[in-house]
Amino acid sequence: MTDPVTLNVGGHLYTTSLTTLTRYPDSMLGAMFGGDFPTARDPQGNYFIDRDGPLFRYVLNFLRTSELTLPLDF
């Protein structure tokens, strides 16, 4: 596993690996962390992504498992 990467997504912090973030190289996250897309950092040095923080957990879980799992009442 690679060193941890911390993301600030809409004010919510998520920690994962670079391997997870680059699993799909043609995605926005794959491009960002593959060096093809500019990245922004918050004042604490975390990568900043201006998206819905609570919903990002579903994106991150998809990157980890390659399965989209959503709650029944989604």
Protein backbone atom coordinates (compact mmCIF):
# COMPACT_ATOMS: atom_id res chain seq x y z
CA MET A 1 0.00 0.00 0.00
CA THR A 2 1.19 3.51 -0.72
CA ASP A 3 1.46 6.34 1.77
CA PRO A 4 -1.88 7.74 2.93
CA VAL A 5 -3.43 10.67 1.10
CA THR A 6 -5.88 12.93 2.93
CA LEU A 7 -8.64 14.67 0.99
CA ASN A 8 -10.82 17.54 2.13
CA VAL A 9 -14.05 17.03 0.21
CA GLY A 10 -16.54 19.78 1.01
CA GLY A 11 -15.14 20.06 4.54
CA HIS A 12 -15.12 16.31 5.23
CA LEU A 13 -11.74 14.59 5.57
CA TYR A 14 -11.09 11.22 3.93
CA THR A 15 -7.84 9.27 4.04
CA THR A 16 -7.02 6.68 1.42
CA SER A 17 -4.12 5.51 -0.73
CA LEU A 18 -2.77 6.89 -3.98
CA THR A 19 -3.37 3.45 -5.48
CA THR A 20 -7.09 3.75 -4.72
CA LEU A 21 -7.33 7.28 -6.14
CA THR A 22 -5.63 6.29 -9.40
CA ARG A 23 -7.49 3.00 -9.92
CA TYR A 24 -9.46 4.56 -12.81
CA PRO A 25 -6.90 6.74 -14.65
CA ASP A 26 -9.52 8.29 -16.97
CA SER A 27 -11.57 9.62 -14.04
CA MET A 28 -11.20 13.09 -12.52
CA LEU A 29 -9.47 11.63 -9.45
CA GLY A 30 -7.24 9.45 -11.60
CA ALA A 31 -6.21 12.51 -13.62
CA MET A 32 -5.68 14.65 -10.51
CA PHE A 33 -3.47 12.17 -8.74
CA GLY A 34 -1.81 10.89 -11.89
CA GLY A 35 -0.46 14.40 -12.51
CA ASP A 36 -2.67 15.28 -15.50
CA PHE A 37 -5.01 17.69 -13.71
CA PRO A 38 -4.20 20.54 -11.30
CA THR A 39 -4.74 19.95 -7.60
CA ALA A 40 -5.56 22.42 -4.84
CA ARG A 41 -4.63 22.19 -1.17
CA ASP A 42 -6.39 23.50 1.91
CA PRO A 43 -4.48 25.46 4.61
CA GLN A 44 -3.61 22.16 6.39
CA GLY A 45 -2.06 20.69 3.23
CA ASN A 46 -4.90 18.28 2.44
CA TYR A 47 -6.01 17.97 -1.17
CA PHE A 48 -9.15 20.06 -1.60
CA ILE A 49 -12.06 18.88 -3.74
CA ASP A 50 -15.11 21.14 -3.95
CA ARG A 51 -17.83 18.50 -3.97
CA ASP A 52 -20.46 17.08 -1.62
CA GLY A 53 -18.48 15.75 1.34
CA PRO A 54 -20.94 13.22 2.78
CA LEU A 55 -21.68 11.70 -0.63
CA PHE A 56 -17.99 11.24 -1.44
CA ARG A 57 -17.85 8.14 0.77
CA TYR A 58 -19.81 6.26 -1.89
CA VAL A 59 -17.31 7.32 -4.55
CA LEU A 60 -14.39 6.27 -2.36
CA ASN A 61 -15.98 2.91 -1.55
CA PHE A 62 -16.52 2.34 -5.27
CA LEU A 63 -12.84 3.05 -5.94
CA ARG A 64 -11.88 0.58 -3.23
CA THR A 65 -14.19 -2.27 -4.28
CA SER A 66 -15.20 -1.56 -7.91
CA GLU A 67 -18.80 -2.04 -6.75
CA LEU A 68 -21.30 0.78 -6.34
CA THR A 69 -23.17 0.25 -3.09
CA LEU A 70 -25.84 2.79 -2.17
CA PRO A 71 -28.38 2.80 0.66
CA LEU A 72 -31.88 1.61 -0.23
CA ASP A 73 -33.32 5.06 0.48
CA PHE A 74 -30.74 6.86 -1.64
